[in-house]
Amino acid sequence: MFTKEDNQVLDRILNARKTCRAFAENVPTDDEIKEVIQAGCIAPYASIDAKAVTPFRHFFVIKKDDPKMEQIDAFIRQQSQIDLDA
């Protein structure tokens, strides 16, 4: 299915990944947000195998200064804990 070269490229990409802990103040464009969502849609989803979870993906784009952000954060954390406990 994949060539040796394809696998080497994928290995380099996976080894170069990182998690951002600090963010710039500039807001991404709608096109940039769409690209990130598209990447998330094709990314591996390990919890399906690990917990036999029904496959689903939810993506939310919420403005930084949205007054409901605290409520949203609390709900997501609560639901995540429920899912982990199940």
PDB file of N, CA and C in Angstrom:
ATOM      1  N   MET A   1       0.824  -1.183   0.000  1.00  0.00           N
ATOM      2  CA  MET A   1       0.000   0.000   0.000  1.00  0.00           C
ATOM      3  C   MET A   1       0.875   1.257   0.000  1.00  0.00           C
ATOM      4  N   PHE A   2       1.787   1.394   0.961  1.00  0.00           N
ATOM      5  CA  PHE A   2       2.699   2.532   0.999  1.00  0.00           C
ATOM      6  C   PHE A   2       4.084   2.067   0.590  1.00  0.00           C
ATOM      7  N   THR A   3       4.801   2.940  -0.052  1.00  0.00           N
ATOM      8  CA  THR A   3       6.182   2.617  -0.409  1.00  0.00           C
ATOM      9  C   THR A   3       7.082   2.871   0.793  1.00  0.00           C
ATOM     10  N   LYS A   4       8.314   2.410   0.690  1.00  0.00           N
ATOM     11  CA  LYS A   4       9.287   2.649   1.750  1.00  0.00           C
ATOM     12  C   LYS A   4       9.485   4.150   1.946  1.00  0.00           C
ATOM     13  N   GLU A   5       9.515   4.902   0.848  1.00  0.00           N
ATOM     14  CA  GLU A   5       9.693   6.351   0.914  1.00  0.00           C
ATOM     15  C   GLU A   5       8.494   7.012   1.607  1.00  0.00           C
ATOM     16  N   ASP A   6       7.286   6.532   1.301  1.00  0.00           N
ATOM     17  CA  ASP A   6       6.086   7.062   1.965  1.00  0.00           C
ATOM     18  C   ASP A   6       6.188   6.876   3.477  1.00  0.00           C
ATOM     19  N   ASN A   7       6.608   5.696   3.884  1.00  0.00           N
ATOM     20  CA  ASN A   7       6.734   5.408   5.310  1.00  0.00           C
ATOM     21  C   ASN A   7       7.794   6.286   5.969  1.00  0.00           C
ATOM     22  N   GLN A   8       8.885   6.549   5.261  1.00  0.00           N
ATOM     23  CA  GLN A   8       9.937   7.396   5.814  1.00  0.00           C
ATOM     24  C   GLN A   8       9.433   8.831   6.000  1.00  0.00           C
ATOM     25  N   VAL A   9       8.675   9.319   5.026  1.00  0.00           N
ATOM     26  CA  VAL A   9       8.108  10.668   5.134  1.00  0.00           C
ATOM     27  C   VAL A   9       7.151  10.722   6.318  1.00  0.00           C
ATOM     28  N   LEU A  10       6.287   9.734   6.438  1.00  0.00           N
ATOM     29  CA  LEU A  10       5.344   9.702   7.553  1.00  0.00           C
ATOM     30  C   LEU A  10       6.078   9.630   8.890  1.00  0.00           C
ATOM     31  N   ASP A  11       7.124   8.829   8.965  1.00  0.00           N
ATOM     32  CA  ASP A  11       7.917   8.745  10.203  1.00  0.00           C
ATOM     33  C   ASP A  11       8.504  10.101  10.575  1.00  0.00           C
ATOM     34  N   ARG A  12       9.024  10.837   9.579  1.00  0.00           N
ATOM     35  CA  ARG A  12       9.587  12.160   9.861  1.00  0.00           C
ATOM     36  C   ARG A  12       8.510  13.120  10.359  1.00  0.00           C
ATOM     37  N   ILE A  13       7.342  13.057   9.759  1.00  0.00           N
ATOM     38  CA  ILE A  13       6.242  13.930  10.186  1.00  0.00           C
ATOM     39  C   ILE A  13       5.842  13.605  11.623  1.00  0.00           C
ATOM     40  N   LEU A  14       5.659  12.336  11.922  1.00  0.00           N
ATOM     41  CA  LEU A  14       5.231  11.944  13.270  1.00  0.00           C
ATOM     42  C   LEU A  14       6.287  12.274  14.313  1.00  0.00           C
ATOM     43  N   ASN A  15       7.545  12.125  13.972  1.00  0.00           N
ATOM     44  CA  ASN A  15       8.618  12.445  14.918  1.00  0.00           C
ATOM     45  C   ASN A  15       8.763  13.941  15.151  1.00  0.00           C
ATOM     46  N   ALA A  16       8.300  14.747  14.220  1.00  0.00           N
ATOM     47  CA  ALA A  16       8.446  16.204  14.338  1.00  0.00           C
ATOM     48  C   ALA A  16       7.255  16.862  15.025  1.00  0.00           C
ATOM     49  N   ARG A  17       6.243  16.105  15.348  1.00  0.00           N
ATOM     50  CA  ARG A  17       5.040  16.711  15.935  1.00  0.00           C
ATOM     51  C   ARG A  17       5.339  17.271  17.322  1.00  0.00           C
ATOM     52  N   LYS A  18       4.517  18.215  17.739  1.00  0.00           N
ATOM     53  CA  LYS A  18       4.691  18.810  19.060  1.00  0.00           C
ATOM     54  C   LYS A  18       3.358  19.378  19.526  1.00  0.00           C
ATOM     55  N   THR A  19       3.304  19.662  20.784  1.00  0.00           N
ATOM     56  CA  THR A  19       2.127  20.277  21.380  1.00  0.00           C
ATOM     57  C   THR A  19       2.455  21.720  21.704  1.00  0.00           C
ATOM     58  N   CYS A  20       1.596  22.625  21.294  1.00  0.00           N
ATOM     59  CA  CYS A  20       1.802  24.050  21.587  1.00  0.00           C
ATOM     60  C   CYS A  20       1.297  24.356  22.987  1.00  0.00           C
ATOM     61  N   ARG A  21       2.096  25.065  23.748  1.00  0.00           N
ATOM     62  CA  ARG A  21       1.713  25.473  25.096  1.00  0.00           C
ATOM     63  C   ARG A  21       1.557  26.984  25.199  1.00  0.00           C
ATOM     64  N   ALA A  22       2.004  27.680  24.193  1.00  0.00           N
ATOM     65  CA  ALA A  22       1.875  29.132  24.170  1.00  0.00           C
ATOM     66  C   ALA A  22       1.324  29.533  22.806  1.00  0.00           C
ATOM     67  N   PHE A  23       0.439  30.470  22.802  1.00  0.00           N
ATOM     68  CA  PHE A  23      -0.237  30.832  21.570  1.00  0.00           C
ATOM     69  C   PHE A  23      -0.086  32.317  21.291  1.00  0.00           C
ATOM     70  N   ALA A  24      -0.017  32.650  20.025  1.00  0.00           N
ATOM     71  CA  ALA A  24       0.053  34.047  19.598  1.00  0.00           C
ATOM     72  C   ALA A  24      -1.332  34.682  19.751  1.00  0.00           C
ATOM     73  N   GLU A  25      -1.363  35.987  19.788  1.00  0.00           N
ATOM     74  CA  GLU A  25      -2.624  36.706  19.946  1.00  0.00           C
ATOM     75  C   GLU A  25      -3.433  36.779  18.645  1.00  0.00           C
ATOM     76  N   ASN A  26      -2.757  36.571  17.497  1.00  0.00           N
ATOM     77  CA  ASN A  26      -3.493  36.694  16.236  1.00  0.00           C
ATOM     78  C   ASN A  26      -4.502  35.550  16.073  1.00  0.00           C
ATOM     79  N   VAL A  27      -5.618  35.856  15.458  1.00  0.00           N
ATOM     80  CA  VAL A  27      -6.714  34.904  15.285  1.00  0.00           C
ATOM     81  C   VAL A  27      -6.561  34.229  13.923  1.00  0.00           C
ATOM     82  N   PRO A  28      -6.703  32.899  13.867  1.00  0.00           N
ATOM     83  CA  PRO A  28      -6.582  32.218  12.579  1.00  0.00           C
ATOM     84  C   PRO A  28      -7.742  32.590  11.649  1.00  0.00           C
ATOM     85  N   THR A  29      -7.477  32.504  10.365  1.00  0.00           N
ATOM     86  CA  THR A  29      -8.520  32.782   9.372  1.00  0.00           C
ATOM     87  C   THR A  29      -9.487  31.611   9.309  1.00  0.00           C
ATOM     88  N   ASP A  30     -10.640  31.834   8.699  1.00  0.00           N
ATOM     89  CA  ASP A  30     -11.609  30.752   8.524  1.00  0.00           C
ATOM     90  C   ASP A  30     -10.994  29.598   7.729  1.00  0.00           C
ATOM     91  N   ASP A  31     -10.203  29.916   6.713  1.00  0.00           N
ATOM     92  CA  ASP A  31      -9.570  28.862   5.912  1.00  0.00           C
ATOM     93  C   ASP A  31      -8.584  28.048   6.746  1.00  0.00           C
ATOM     94  N   GLU A  32      -7.834  28.708   7.620  1.00  0.00           N
ATOM     95  CA  GLU A  32      -6.901  27.989   8.484  1.00  0.00           C
ATOM     96  C   GLU A  32      -7.659  27.082   9.448  1.00  0.00           C
ATOM     97  N   ILE A  33      -8.753  27.558   9.979  1.00  0.00           N
ATOM     98  CA  ILE A  33      -9.567  26.739  10.884  1.00  0.00           C
ATOM     99  C   ILE A  33     -10.112  25.517  10.152  1.00  0.00           C
ATOM    100  N   LYS A  34     -10.570  25.712   8.925  1.00  0.00           N
ATOM    101  CA  LYS A  34     -11.079  24.587   8.122  1.00  0.00           C
ATOM    102  C   LYS A  34      -9.988  23.551   7.871  1.00  0.00           C
ATOM    103  N   GLU A  35      -8.757  24.010   7.628  1.00  0.00           N
ATOM    104  CA  GLU A  35      -7.640  23.085   7.411  1.00  0.00           C
ATOM    105  C   GLU A  35      -7.357  22.256   8.661  1.00  0.00           C
ATOM    106  N   VAL A  36      -7.411  22.891   9.823  1.00  0.00           N
ATOM    107  CA  VAL A  36      -7.169  22.167  11.076  1.00  0.00           C
ATOM    108  C   VAL A  36      -8.265  21.132  11.313  1.00  0.00           C
ATOM    109  N   ILE A  37      -9.506  21.506  11.060  1.00  0.00           N
ATOM    110  CA  ILE A  37     -10.617  20.563  11.231  1.00  0.00           C
ATOM    111  C   ILE A  37     -10.473  19.389  10.267  1.00  0.00           C
ATOM    112  N   GLN A  38     -10.097  19.668   9.028  1.00  0.00           N
ATOM    113  CA  GLN A  38      -9.891  18.592   8.055  1.00  0.00           C
ATOM    114  C   GLN A  38      -8.797  17.635   8.525  1.00  0.00           C
ATOM    115  N   ALA A  39      -7.709  18.177   9.052  1.00  0.00           N
ATOM    116  CA  ALA A  39      -6.629  17.330   9.566  1.00  0.00           C
ATOM    117  C   ALA A  39      -7.128  16.469  10.726  1.00  0.00           C
ATOM    118  N   GLY A  40      -7.956  17.045  11.582  1.00  0.00           N
ATOM    119  CA  GLY A  40      -8.507  16.286  12.697  1.00  0.00           C
ATOM    120  C   GLY A  40      -9.420  15.165  12.243  1.00  0.00           C
ATOM    121  N   CYS A  41     -10.122  15.385  11.155  1.00  0.00           N
ATOM    122  CA  CYS A  41     -11.038  14.355  10.633  1.00  0.00           C
ATOM    123  C   CYS A  41     -10.302  13.132  10.109  1.00  0.00           C
ATOM    124  N   ILE A  42      -9.081  13.325   9.632  1.00  0.00           N
ATOM    125  CA  ILE A  42      -8.351  12.177   9.083  1.00  0.00           C
ATOM    126  C   ILE A  42      -7.302  11.629  10.046  1.00  0.00           C
ATOM    127  N   ALA A  43      -7.191  12.240  11.234  1.00  0.00           N
ATOM    128  CA  ALA A  43      -6.205  11.790  12.216  1.00  0.00           C
ATOM    129  C   ALA A  43      -6.642  10.472  12.857  1.00  0.00           C
ATOM    130  N   PRO A  44      -5.687   9.653  13.301  1.00  0.00           N
ATOM    131  CA  PRO A  44      -6.043   8.410  14.003  1.00  0.00           C
ATOM    132  C   PRO A  44      -6.844   8.699  15.262  1.00  0.00           C
ATOM    133  N   TYR A  45      -7.668   7.764  15.638  1.00  0.00           N
ATOM    134  CA  TYR A  45      -8.548   7.944  16.780  1.00  0.00           C
ATOM    135  C   TYR A  45      -8.424   6.715  17.675  1.00  0.00           C
ATOM    136  N   ALA A  46      -7.404   6.711  18.541  1.00  0.00           N
ATOM    137  CA  ALA A  46      -7.044   5.525  19.318  1.00  0.00           C
ATOM    138  C   ALA A  46      -8.103   5.086  20.305  1.00  0.00           C
ATOM    139  N   SER A  47      -8.895   5.995  20.827  1.00  0.00           N
ATOM    140  CA  SER A  47      -9.838   5.593  21.881  1.00  0.00           C
ATOM    141  C   SER A  47     -10.923   4.665  21.360  1.00  0.00           C
ATOM    142  N   ILE A  48     -11.133   4.619  20.072  1.00  0.00           N
ATOM    143  CA  ILE A  48     -12.106   3.667  19.536  1.00  0.00           C
ATOM    144  C   ILE A  48     -11.650   2.248  19.868  1.00  0.00           C
ATOM    145  N   ASP A  49     -10.383   1.960  19.611  1.00  0.00           N
ATOM    146  CA  ASP A  49      -9.853   0.621  19.907  1.00  0.00           C
ATOM    147  C   ASP A  49      -9.698   0.394  21.399  1.00  0.00           C
ATOM    148  N   ALA A  50      -9.259   1.414  22.116  1.00  0.00           N
ATOM    149  CA  ALA A  50      -8.958   1.258  23.532  1.00  0.00           C
ATOM    150  C   ALA A  50     -10.206   1.063  24.385  1.00  0.00           C
ATOM    151  N   LYS A  51     -11.262   1.745  24.075  1.00  0.00           N
ATOM    152  CA  LYS A  51     -12.453   1.701  24.928  1.00  0.00           C
ATOM    153  C   LYS A  51     -13.709   1.222  24.199  1.00  0.00           C
ATOM    154  N   ALA A  52     -13.580   0.777  22.968  1.00  0.00           N
ATOM    155  CA  ALA A  52     -14.730   0.353  22.176  1.00  0.00           C
ATOM    156  C   ALA A  52     -15.799   1.444  22.124  1.00  0.00           C
ATOM    157  N   VAL A  53     -15.348   2.671  21.932  1.00  0.00           N
ATOM    158  CA  VAL A  53     -16.250   3.820  21.857  1.00  0.00           C
ATOM    159  C   VAL A  53     -16.835   3.894  20.458  1.00  0.00           C
ATOM    160  N   THR A  54     -18.101   4.231  20.369  1.00  0.00           N
ATOM    161  CA  THR A  54     -18.713   4.438  19.065  1.00  0.00           C
ATOM    162  C   THR A  54     -17.987   5.593  18.378  1.00  0.00           C
ATOM    163  N   PRO A  55     -17.562   5.390  17.134  1.00  0.00           N
ATOM    164  CA  PRO A  55     -16.802   6.441  16.457  1.00  0.00           C
ATOM    165  C   PRO A  55     -17.602   7.738  16.296  1.00  0.00           C
ATOM    166  N   PHE A  56     -17.021   8.809  16.709  1.00  0.00           N
ATOM    167  CA  PHE A  56     -17.607  10.131  16.507  1.00  0.00           C
ATOM    168  C   PHE A  56     -16.500  11.157  16.644  1.00  0.00           C
ATOM    169  N   ARG A  57     -16.732  12.283  16.055  1.00  0.00           N
ATOM    170  CA  ARG A  57     -15.789  13.392  16.195  1.00  0.00           C
ATOM    171  C   ARG A  57     -16.600  14.668  16.278  1.00  0.00           C
ATOM    172  N   HIS A  58     -16.226  15.495  17.216  1.00  0.00           N
ATOM    173  CA  HIS A  58     -16.861  16.800  17.357  1.00  0.00           C
ATOM    174  C   HIS A  58     -15.778  17.860  17.315  1.00  0.00           C
ATOM    175  N   PHE A  59     -15.996  18.886  16.545  1.00  0.00           N
ATOM    176  CA  PHE A  59     -15.069  19.999  16.474  1.00  0.00           C
ATOM    177  C   PHE A  59     -15.838  21.271  16.764  1.00  0.00           C
ATOM    178  N   PHE A  60     -15.339  22.039  17.687  1.00  0.00           N
ATOM    179  CA  PHE A  60     -15.983  23.290  18.060  1.00  0.00           C
ATOM    180  C   PHE A  60     -14.998  24.429  17.845  1.00  0.00           C
ATOM    181  N   VAL A  61     -15.457  25.481  17.251  1.00  0.00           N
ATOM    182  CA  VAL A  61     -14.640  26.674  17.089  1.00  0.00           C
ATOM    183  C   VAL A  61     -15.308  27.752  17.926  1.00  0.00           C
ATOM    184  N   ILE A  62     -14.620  28.163  18.993  1.00  0.00           N
ATOM    185  CA  ILE A  62     -15.189  29.101  19.952  1.00  0.00           C
ATOM    186  C   ILE A  62     -14.248  30.289  20.072  1.00  0.00           C
ATOM    187  N   LYS A  63     -14.793  31.469  19.959  1.00  0.00           N
ATOM    188  CA  LYS A  63     -13.959  32.661  20.077  1.00  0.00           C
ATOM    189  C   LYS A  63     -13.404  32.776  21.491  1.00  0.00           C
ATOM    190  N   LYS A  64     -12.175  33.246  21.573  1.00  0.00           N
ATOM    191  CA  LYS A  64     -11.460  33.348  22.842  1.00  0.00           C
ATOM    192  C   LYS A  64     -12.232  34.152  23.889  1.00  0.00           C
ATOM    193  N   ASP A  65     -12.912  35.211  23.476  1.00  0.00           N
ATOM    194  CA  ASP A  65     -13.611  36.078  24.426  1.00  0.00           C
ATOM    195  C   ASP A  65     -15.098  35.744  24.576  1.00  0.00           C
ATOM    196  N   ASP A  66     -15.502  34.553  24.143  1.00  0.00           N
ATOM    197  CA  ASP A  66     -16.905  34.147  24.267  1.00  0.00           C
ATOM    198  C   ASP A  66     -17.273  34.054  25.748  1.00  0.00           C
ATOM    199  N   PRO A  67     -18.346  34.741  26.172  1.00  0.00           N
ATOM    200  CA  PRO A  67     -18.712  34.734  27.597  1.00  0.00           C
ATOM    201  C   PRO A  67     -19.134  33.360  28.114  1.00  0.00           C
ATOM    202  N   LYS A  68     -19.457  32.441  27.238  1.00  0.00           N
ATOM    203  CA  LYS A  68     -19.880  31.100  27.679  1.00  0.00           C
ATOM    204  C   LYS A  68     -18.722  30.112  27.746  1.00  0.00           C
ATOM    205  N   MET A  69     -17.498  30.599  27.539  1.00  0.00           N
ATOM    206  CA  MET A  69     -16.344  29.707  27.499  1.00  0.00           C
ATOM    207  C   MET A  69     -16.177  28.911  28.796  1.00  0.00           C
ATOM    208  N   GLU A  70     -16.382  29.526  29.932  1.00  0.00           N
ATOM    209  CA  GLU A  70     -16.243  28.802  31.202  1.00  0.00           C
ATOM    210  C   GLU A  70     -17.274  27.684  31.312  1.00  0.00           C
ATOM    211  N   GLN A  71     -18.495  27.947  30.895  1.00  0.00           N
ATOM    212  CA  GLN A  71     -19.541  26.913  30.913  1.00  0.00           C
ATOM    213  C   GLN A  71     -19.189  25.773  29.969  1.00  0.00           C
ATOM    214  N   ILE A  72     -18.723  26.124  28.794  1.00  0.00           N
ATOM    215  CA  ILE A  72     -18.355  25.117  27.802  1.00  0.00           C
ATOM    216  C   ILE A  72     -17.218  24.255  28.341  1.00  0.00           C
ATOM    217  N   ASP A  73     -16.207  24.887  28.919  1.00  0.00           N
ATOM    218  CA  ASP A  73     -15.075  24.161  29.476  1.00  0.00           C
ATOM    219  C   ASP A  73     -15.526  23.197  30.573  1.00  0.00           C
ATOM    220  N   ALA A  74     -16.371  23.659  31.472  1.00  0.00           N
ATOM    221  CA  ALA A  74     -16.864  22.809  32.563  1.00  0.00           C
ATOM    222  C   ALA A  74     -17.654  21.624  32.017  1.00  0.00           C
ATOM    223  N   PHE A  75     -18.493  21.877  31.027  1.00  0.00           N
ATOM    224  CA  PHE A  75     -19.292  20.797  30.440  1.00  0.00           C
ATOM    225  C   PHE A  75     -18.400  19.751  29.777  1.00  0.00           C
ATOM    226  N   ILE A  76     -17.423  20.199  29.002  1.00  0.00           N
ATOM    227  CA  ILE A  76     -16.532  19.268  28.310  1.00  0.00           C
ATOM    228  C   ILE A  76     -15.746  18.431  29.320  1.00  0.00           C
ATOM    229  N   ARG A  77     -15.244  19.068  30.374  1.00  0.00           N
ATOM    230  CA  ARG A  77     -14.502  18.321  31.388  1.00  0.00           C
ATOM    231  C   ARG A  77     -15.398  17.297  32.102  1.00  0.00           C
ATOM    232  N   GLN A  78     -16.620  17.701  32.415  1.00  0.00           N
ATOM    233  CA  GLN A  78     -17.564  16.798  33.086  1.00  0.00           C
ATOM    234  C   GLN A  78     -17.892  15.611  32.174  1.00  0.00           C
ATOM    235  N   GLN A  79     -18.197  15.876  30.924  1.00  0.00           N
ATOM    236  CA  GLN A  79     -18.557  14.805  30.003  1.00  0.00           C
ATOM    237  C   GLN A  79     -17.368  13.884  29.731  1.00  0.00           C
ATOM    238  N   SER A  80     -16.173  14.454  29.642  1.00  0.00           N
ATOM    239  CA  SER A  80     -14.977  13.638  29.437  1.00  0.00           C
ATOM    240  C   SER A  80     -14.767  12.685  30.602  1.00  0.00           C
ATOM    241  N   GLN A  81     -14.988  13.162  31.816  1.00  0.00           N
ATOM    242  CA  GLN A  81     -14.836  12.296  32.989  1.00  0.00           C
ATOM    243  C   GLN A  81     -15.875  11.185  32.982  1.00  0.00           C
ATOM    244  N   ILE A  82     -17.096  11.517  32.607  1.00  0.00           N
ATOM    245  CA  ILE A  82     -18.156  10.501  32.506  1.00  0.00           C
ATOM    246  C   ILE A  82     -17.753   9.427  31.492  1.00  0.00           C
ATOM    247  N   ASP A  83     -17.236   9.871  30.344  1.00  0.00           N
ATOM    248  CA  ASP A  83     -16.814   8.931  29.308  1.00  0.00           C
ATOM    249  C   ASP A  83     -15.665   8.049  29.800  1.00  0.00           C
ATOM    250  N   LEU A  84     -14.707   8.640  30.514  1.00  0.00           N
ATOM    251  CA  LEU A  84     -13.584   7.859  31.027  1.00  0.00           C
ATOM    252  C   LEU A  84     -14.040   6.852  32.077  1.00  0.00           C
ATOM    253  N   ASP A  85     -14.980   7.245  32.915  1.00  0.00           N
ATOM    254  CA  ASP A  85     -15.476   6.359  33.972  1.00  0.00           C
ATOM    255  C   ASP A  85     -16.285   5.192  33.403  1.00  0.00           C
ATOM    256  N   ALA A  86     -16.890   5.412  32.239  1.00  0.00           N
ATOM    257  CA  ALA A  86     -17.742   4.369  31.635  1.00  0.00           C
ATOM    258  C   ALA A  86     -16.922   3.303  31.066  1.00  0.00           C
TER     259      ALA A  86
END
